[in-house]
PDB file of N, CA and C in Angstrom:
ATOM      1  N   UNK A   1      80.400 110.834  59.522  1.00  0.00           N
ATOM      2  CA  UNK A   1      81.608 110.801  60.322  1.00  0.00           C
ATOM      3  C   UNK A   1      82.734 110.177  59.497  1.00  0.00           C
ATOM      4  N   UNK A   2      83.794 110.892  59.273  1.00  0.00           N
ATOM      5  CA  UNK A   2      84.947 110.384  58.571  1.00  0.00           C
ATOM      6  C   UNK A   2      86.179 110.565  59.482  1.00  0.00           C
ATOM      7  N   UNK A   3      86.979 109.552  59.480  1.00  0.00           N
ATOM      8  CA  UNK A   3      88.234 109.677  60.255  1.00  0.00           C
ATOM      9  C   UNK A   3      89.257 108.700  59.647  1.00  0.00           C
ATOM     10  N   UNK A   4      90.528 108.944  59.883  1.00  0.00           N
ATOM     11  CA  UNK A   4      91.600 108.070  59.418  1.00  0.00           C
ATOM     12  C   UNK A   4      92.204 107.322  60.586  1.00  0.00           C
ATOM     13  N   UNK A   5      92.618 106.052  60.383  1.00  0.00           N
ATOM     14  CA  UNK A   5      93.243 105.271  61.381  1.00  0.00           C
ATOM     15  C   UNK A   5      94.473 104.631  60.714  1.00  0.00           C
ATOM     16  N   UNK A   6      95.557 104.590  61.476  1.00  0.00           N
ATOM     17  CA  UNK A   6      96.784 103.979  60.965  1.00  0.00           C
ATOM     18  C   UNK A   6      96.895 102.622  61.618  1.00  0.00           C
ATOM     19  N   UNK A   7      97.062 101.563  60.807  1.00  0.00           N
ATOM     20  CA  UNK A   7      97.234 100.186  61.358  1.00  0.00           C
ATOM     21  C   UNK A   7      98.346  99.522  60.612  1.00  0.00           C
ATOM     22  N   UNK A   8      99.362  98.969  61.299  1.00  0.00           N
ATOM     23  CA  UNK A   8     100.477  98.340  60.645  1.00  0.00           C
ATOM     24  C   UNK A   8     101.166  99.380  59.696  1.00  0.00           C
ATOM     25  N   UNK A   9     101.352  98.965  58.527  1.00  0.00           N
ATOM     26  CA  UNK A   9     101.996  99.836  57.522  1.00  0.00           C
ATOM     27  C   UNK A   9     100.959 100.429  56.552  1.00  0.00           C
ATOM     28  N   UNK A  10      99.727 100.434  56.988  1.00  0.00           N
ATOM     29  CA  UNK A  10      98.639 100.982  56.125  1.00  0.00           C
ATOM     30  C   UNK A  10      97.957 102.121  56.823  1.00  0.00           C
ATOM     31  N   UNK A  11      97.341 102.968  56.021  1.00  0.00           N
ATOM     32  CA  UNK A  11      96.426 104.043  56.582  1.00  0.00           C
ATOM     33  C   UNK A  11      95.039 103.681  56.081  1.00  0.00           C
ATOM     34  N   UNK A  12      94.056 103.903  56.973  1.00  0.00           N
ATOM     35  CA  UNK A  12      92.729 103.533  56.649  1.00  0.00           C
ATOM     36  C   UNK A  12      91.797 104.792  56.759  1.00  0.00           C
ATOM     37  N   UNK A  13      90.777 104.814  55.946  1.00  0.00           N
ATOM     38  CA  UNK A  13      89.723 105.819  56.087  1.00  0.00           C
ATOM     39  C   UNK A  13      88.510 105.112  56.639  1.00  0.00           C
ATOM     40  N   UNK A  14      87.812 105.733  57.529  1.00  0.00           N
ATOM     41  CA  UNK A  14      86.600 105.173  58.126  1.00  0.00           C
ATOM     42  C   UNK A  14      85.400 105.987  57.725  1.00  0.00           C
ATOM     43  N   UNK A  15      84.321 105.332  57.257  1.00  0.00           N
ATOM     44  CA  UNK A  15      83.131 106.041  56.941  1.00  0.00           C
ATOM     45  C   UNK A  15      81.984 105.287  57.667  1.00  0.00           C
ATOM     46  N   UNK A  16      80.837 105.996  57.814  1.00  0.00           N
ATOM     47  CA  UNK A  16      79.701 105.348  58.445  1.00  0.00           C
ATOM     48  C   UNK A  16      78.565 105.266  57.423  1.00  0.00           C
ATOM     49  N   UNK A  17      77.983 104.048  57.326  1.00  0.00           N
ATOM     50  CA  UNK A  17      76.882 103.813  56.349  1.00  0.00           C
ATOM     51  C   UNK A  17      75.774 103.102  57.093  1.00  0.00           C
ATOM     52  N   UNK A  18      74.582 103.071  56.520  1.00  0.00           N
ATOM     53  CA  UNK A  18      73.460 102.365  57.060  1.00  0.00           C
ATOM     54  C   UNK A  18      72.951 101.420  55.985  1.00  0.00           C
ATOM     55  N   UNK A  19      72.866 100.120  56.331  1.00  0.00           N
ATOM     56  CA  UNK A  19      72.287  99.135  55.417  1.00  0.00           C
ATOM     57  C   UNK A  19      70.888  98.797  55.891  1.00  0.00           C
ATOM     58  N   UNK A  20      70.049  98.388  54.997  1.00  0.00           N
ATOM     59  CA  UNK A  20      68.667  98.073  55.331  1.00  0.00           C
ATOM     60  C   UNK A  20      68.256  96.718  54.631  1.00  0.00           C
ATOM     61  N   UNK A  21      67.278  96.071  55.229  1.00  0.00           N
ATOM     62  CA  UNK A  21      66.726  94.840  54.671  1.00  0.00           C
ATOM     63  C   UNK A  21      65.412  94.488  55.295  1.00  0.00           C
ATOM     64  N   UNK A  22      64.547  93.856  54.525  1.00  0.00           N
ATOM     65  CA  UNK A  22      63.311  93.348  55.109  1.00  0.00           C
ATOM     66  C   UNK A  22      63.533  91.961  55.728  1.00  0.00           C
ATOM     67  N   UNK A  23      64.695  91.329  55.398  1.00  0.00           N
ATOM     68  CA  UNK A  23      64.946  89.927  55.826  1.00  0.00           C
ATOM     69  C   UNK A  23      65.562  89.844  57.205  1.00  0.00           C
ATOM     70  N   UNK A  24      66.449  90.759  57.566  1.00  0.00           N
ATOM     71  CA  UNK A  24      67.115  90.704  58.871  1.00  0.00           C
ATOM     72  C   UNK A  24      68.366  91.549  58.938  1.00  0.00           C
ATOM     73  N   UNK A  25      68.928  91.622  60.136  1.00  0.00           N
ATOM     74  CA  UNK A  25      70.084  92.494  60.317  1.00  0.00           C
ATOM     75  C   UNK A  25      71.356  92.006  59.612  1.00  0.00           C
ATOM     76  N   UNK A  26      71.558  90.669  59.514  1.00  0.00           N
ATOM     77  CA  UNK A  26      72.657  90.139  58.743  1.00  0.00           C
ATOM     78  C   UNK A  26      72.623  90.539  57.327  1.00  0.00           C
ATOM     79  N   UNK A  27      71.404  90.453  56.746  1.00  0.00           N
ATOM     80  CA  UNK A  27      71.214  90.829  55.364  1.00  0.00           C
ATOM     81  C   UNK A  27      71.429  92.373  55.189  1.00  0.00           C
ATOM     82  N   UNK A  28      71.000  93.158  56.150  1.00  0.00           N
ATOM     83  CA  UNK A  28      71.258  94.631  56.127  1.00  0.00           C
ATOM     84  C   UNK A  28      72.704  94.927  56.093  1.00  0.00           C
ATOM     85  N   UNK A  29      73.519  94.174  56.905  1.00  0.00           N
ATOM     86  CA  UNK A  29      74.996  94.357  56.885  1.00  0.00           C
ATOM     87  C   UNK A  29      75.553  94.044  55.531  1.00  0.00           C
ATOM     88  N   UNK A  30      75.133  92.916  54.974  1.00  0.00           N
ATOM     89  CA  UNK A  30      75.659  92.491  53.655  1.00  0.00           C
ATOM     90  C   UNK A  30      75.293  93.523  52.591  1.00  0.00           C
ATOM     91  N   UNK A  31      74.079  94.052  52.659  1.00  0.00           N
ATOM     92  CA  UNK A  31      73.628  95.030  51.670  1.00  0.00           C
ATOM     93  C   UNK A  31      74.491  96.332  51.764  1.00  0.00           C
ATOM     94  N   UNK A  32      74.763  96.751  52.949  1.00  0.00           N
ATOM     95  CA  UNK A  32      75.600  97.988  53.138  1.00  0.00           C
ATOM     96  C   UNK A  32      76.978  97.771  52.589  1.00  0.00           C
ATOM     97  N   UNK A  33      77.567  96.628  52.875  1.00  0.00           N
ATOM     98  CA  UNK A  33      78.954  96.340  52.390  1.00  0.00           C
ATOM     99  C   UNK A  33      78.972  96.200  50.879  1.00  0.00           C
ATOM    100  N   UNK A  34      77.948  95.499  50.289  1.00  0.00           N
ATOM    101  CA  UNK A  34      77.902  95.327  48.837  1.00  0.00           C
ATOM    102  C   UNK A  34      77.762  96.705  48.160  1.00  0.00           C
ATOM    103  N   UNK A  35      76.859  97.520  48.646  1.00  0.00           N
ATOM    104  CA  UNK A  35      76.635  98.861  48.042  1.00  0.00           C
ATOM    105  C   UNK A  35      77.892  99.722  48.152  1.00  0.00           C
ATOM    106  N   UNK A  36      78.534  99.756  49.362  1.00  0.00           N
ATOM    107  CA  UNK A  36      79.734 100.543  49.536  1.00  0.00           C
ATOM    108  C   UNK A  36      80.863 100.034  48.642  1.00  0.00           C
ATOM    109  N   UNK A  37      80.949  98.723  48.437  1.00  0.00           N
ATOM    110  CA  UNK A  37      81.966  98.166  47.621  1.00  0.00           C
ATOM    111  C   UNK A  37      81.901  98.529  46.160  1.00  0.00           C
ATOM    112  N   UNK A  38      80.737  98.995  45.743  1.00  0.00           N
ATOM    113  CA  UNK A  38      80.556  99.450  44.329  1.00  0.00           C
ATOM    114  C   UNK A  38      81.361 100.712  44.041  1.00  0.00           C
ATOM    115  N   UNK A  39      81.577 101.532  45.063  1.00  0.00           N
ATOM    116  CA  UNK A  39      82.314 102.808  44.809  1.00  0.00           C
ATOM    117  C   UNK A  39      83.588 102.933  45.634  1.00  0.00           C
ATOM    118  N   UNK A  40      83.773 102.063  46.632  1.00  0.00           N
ATOM    119  CA  UNK A  40      84.995 102.113  47.461  1.00  0.00           C
ATOM    120  C   UNK A  40      85.883 100.886  47.234  1.00  0.00           C
ATOM    121  N   UNK A  41      87.160 101.151  47.119  1.00  0.00           N
ATOM    122  CA  UNK A  41      88.150 100.066  46.958  1.00  0.00           C
ATOM    123  C   UNK A  41      88.763  99.723  48.301  1.00  0.00           C
ATOM    124  N   UNK A  42      89.287  98.527  48.395  1.00  0.00           N
ATOM    125  CA  UNK A  42      90.117  98.111  49.577  1.00  0.00           C
ATOM    126  C   UNK A  42      89.346  98.053  50.885  1.00  0.00           C
ATOM    127  N   UNK A  43      88.076  97.727  50.844  1.00  0.00           N
ATOM    128  CA  UNK A  43      87.314  97.561  52.097  1.00  0.00           C
ATOM    129  C   UNK A  43      87.929  96.435  52.907  1.00  0.00           C
ATOM    130  N   UNK A  44      88.284  96.644  54.140  1.00  0.00           N
ATOM    131  CA  UNK A  44      88.960  95.663  54.959  1.00  0.00           C
ATOM    132  C   UNK A  44      88.167  95.168  56.150  1.00  0.00           C
ATOM    133  N   UNK A  45      87.301  96.013  56.732  1.00  0.00           N
ATOM    134  CA  UNK A  45      86.611  95.630  58.011  1.00  0.00           C
ATOM    135  C   UNK A  45      85.382  96.481  58.176  1.00  0.00           C
ATOM    136  N   UNK A  46      84.525  95.965  59.082  1.00  0.00           N
ATOM    137  CA  UNK A  46      83.363  96.716  59.506  1.00  0.00           C
ATOM    138  C   UNK A  46      83.097  96.553  60.956  1.00  0.00           C
ATOM    139  N   UNK A  47      82.416  97.505  61.570  1.00  0.00           N
ATOM    140  CA  UNK A  47      82.007  97.500  62.950  1.00  0.00           C
ATOM    141  C   UNK A  47      80.533  97.953  63.039  1.00  0.00           C
ATOM    142  N   UNK A  48      79.710  97.093  63.657  1.00  0.00           N
ATOM    143  CA  UNK A  48      78.311  97.478  63.824  1.00  0.00           C
ATOM    144  C   UNK A  48      78.252  98.487  65.009  1.00  0.00           C
ATOM    145  N   UNK A  49      77.672  99.666  64.718  1.00  0.00           N
ATOM    146  CA  UNK A  49      77.580 100.685  65.747  1.00  0.00           C
ATOM    147  C   UNK A  49      76.137 100.946  66.182  1.00  0.00           C
ATOM    148  N   UNK A  50      75.197 100.349  65.516  1.00  0.00           N
ATOM    149  CA  UNK A  50      73.818 100.574  65.890  1.00  0.00           C
ATOM    150  C   UNK A  50      72.846  99.720  65.101  1.00  0.00           C
ATOM    151  N   UNK A  51      71.734  99.416  65.684  1.00  0.00           N
ATOM    152  CA  UNK A  51      70.652  98.704  64.994  1.00  0.00           C
ATOM    153  C   UNK A  51      69.332  99.298  65.351  1.00  0.00           C
ATOM    154  N   UNK A  52      68.439  99.314  64.357  1.00  0.00           N
ATOM    155  CA  UNK A  52      67.066  99.742  64.633  1.00  0.00           C
ATOM    156  C   UNK A  52      66.150  99.086  63.616  1.00  0.00           C
ATOM    157  N   UNK A  53      64.878  99.203  63.846  1.00  0.00           N
ATOM    158  CA  UNK A  53      63.882  98.551  62.930  1.00  0.00           C
ATOM    159  C   UNK A  53      62.662  99.393  62.772  1.00  0.00           C
ATOM    160  N   UNK A  54      61.895  99.034  61.751  1.00  0.00           N
ATOM    161  CA  UNK A  54      60.614  99.693  61.513  1.00  0.00           C
ATOM    162  C   UNK A  54      59.532  98.650  61.833  1.00  0.00           C
ATOM    163  N   UNK A  55      58.491  99.107  62.542  1.00  0.00           N
ATOM    164  CA  UNK A  55      57.386  98.225  62.905  1.00  0.00           C
ATOM    165  C   UNK A  55      56.169  98.636  62.166  1.00  0.00           C
ATOM    166  N   UNK A  56      55.517  97.659  61.511  1.00  0.00           N
ATOM    167  CA  UNK A  56      54.263  97.940  60.785  1.00  0.00           C
ATOM    168  C   UNK A  56      53.187  97.072  61.420  1.00  0.00           C
ATOM    169  N   UNK A  57      52.258  97.717  62.073  1.00  0.00           N
ATOM    170  CA  UNK A  57      51.238  97.001  62.878  1.00  0.00           C
ATOM    171  C   UNK A  57      51.932  96.368  64.067  1.00  0.00           C
ATOM    172  N   UNK A  58      51.963  95.070  64.098  1.00  0.00           N
ATOM    173  CA  UNK A  58      52.617  94.393  65.223  1.00  0.00           C
ATOM    174  C   UNK A  58      53.755  93.519  64.743  1.00  0.00           C
ATOM    175  N   UNK A  59      54.292  93.821  63.562  1.00  0.00           N
ATOM    176  CA  UNK A  59      55.331  93.017  62.959  1.00  0.00           C
ATOM    177  C   UNK A  59      56.551  93.865  62.582  1.00  0.00           C
ATOM    178  N   UNK A  60      57.703  93.255  62.690  1.00  0.00           N
ATOM    179  CA  UNK A  60      58.940  93.921  62.219  1.00  0.00           C
ATOM    180  C   UNK A  60      58.869  93.950  60.676  1.00  0.00           C
ATOM    181  N   UNK A  61      58.959  95.154  60.106  1.00  0.00           N
ATOM    182  CA  UNK A  61      58.836  95.288  58.679  1.00  0.00           C
ATOM    183  C   UNK A  61      60.170  95.530  58.001  1.00  0.00           C
ATOM    184  N   UNK A  62      61.146  96.068  58.724  1.00  0.00           N
ATOM    185  CA  UNK A  62      62.367  96.505  58.133  1.00  0.00           C
ATOM    186  C   UNK A  62      63.492  96.595  59.169  1.00  0.00           C
ATOM    187  N   UNK A  63      64.664  96.165  58.799  1.00  0.00           N
ATOM    188  CA  UNK A  63      65.857  96.255  59.720  1.00  0.00           C
ATOM    189  C   UNK A  63      66.829  97.264  59.145  1.00  0.00           C
ATOM    190  N   UNK A  64      67.427  98.054  60.015  1.00  0.00           N
ATOM    191  CA  UNK A  64      68.494  98.989  59.612  1.00  0.00           C
ATOM    192  C   UNK A  64      69.695  98.787  60.545  1.00  0.00           C
ATOM    193  N   UNK A  65      70.873  98.710  59.982  1.00  0.00           N
ATOM    194  CA  UNK A  65      72.080  98.520  60.750  1.00  0.00           C
ATOM    195  C   UNK A  65      73.144  99.629  60.354  1.00  0.00           C
ATOM    196  N   UNK A  66      73.591 100.353  61.349  1.00  0.00           N
ATOM    197  CA  UNK A  66      74.633 101.384  61.169  1.00  0.00           C
ATOM    198  C   UNK A  66      76.016 100.708  61.281  1.00  0.00           C
ATOM    199  N   UNK A  67      76.860 100.955  60.295  1.00  0.00           N
ATOM    200  CA  UNK A  67      78.187 100.351  60.280  1.00  0.00           C
ATOM    201  C   UNK A  67      79.249 101.390  60.103  1.00  0.00           C
ATOM    202  N   UNK A  68      80.437 101.149  60.700  1.00  0.00           N
ATOM    203  CA  UNK A  68      81.641 101.886  60.346  1.00  0.00           C
ATOM    204  C   UNK A  68      82.397 100.922  59.410  1.00  0.00           C
ATOM    205  N   UNK A  69      82.802 101.428  58.253  1.00  0.00           N
ATOM    206  CA  UNK A  69      83.567 100.641  57.274  1.00  0.00           C
ATOM    207  C   UNK A  69      84.983 101.224  57.206  1.00  0.00           C
ATOM    208  N   UNK A  70      85.955 100.344  57.240  1.00  0.00           N
ATOM    209  CA  UNK A  70      87.364 100.782  57.119  1.00  0.00           C
ATOM    210  C   UNK A  70      87.910 100.316  55.735  1.00  0.00           C
ATOM    211  N   UNK A  71      88.538 101.224  55.041  1.00  0.00           N
ATOM    212  CA  UNK A  71      89.171 100.858  53.765  1.00  0.00           C
ATOM    213  C   UNK A  71      90.549 101.467  53.705  1.00  0.00           C
ATOM    214  N   UNK A  72      91.484 100.711  53.108  1.00  0.00           N
ATOM    215  CA  UNK A  72      92.859 101.122  53.001  1.00  0.00           C
ATOM    216  C   UNK A  72      92.965 102.313  51.996  1.00  0.00           C
ATOM    217  N   UNK A  73      93.713 103.319  52.397  1.00  0.00           N
ATOM    218  CA  UNK A  73      94.033 104.431  51.461  1.00  0.00           C
ATOM    219  C   UNK A  73      95.196 104.031  50.625  1.00  0.00           C
ATOM    220  N   UNK A  74      94.997 104.151  49.263  1.00  0.00           N
ATOM    221  CA  UNK A  74      96.057 103.802  48.375  1.00  0.00           C
ATOM    222  C   UNK A  74      97.113 104.921  48.320  1.00  0.00           C
ATOM    223  N   UNK A  75      98.387 104.457  48.268  1.00  0.00           N
ATOM    224  CA  UNK A  75      99.504 105.477  48.220  1.00  0.00           C
ATOM    225  C   UNK A  75      99.830 105.824  46.817  1.00  0.00           C
TER     226      UNK A  75
END
């Protein structure tokens, strides 16, 4: 899902990414933002749009968090 949003005097592009972690949902969010930041400039905000996990036996094995990321479009 890609869309543009105008805020103030800036235009933003919105993308959706999924971060994952064995440690927890906060770490999954940080992983997604860190990875996206390697190729995207001007990241300004995120919105959590979903969470899910993987169960192995009777234990949580993996966390996944879906995020919308907003980044400013350079003029």
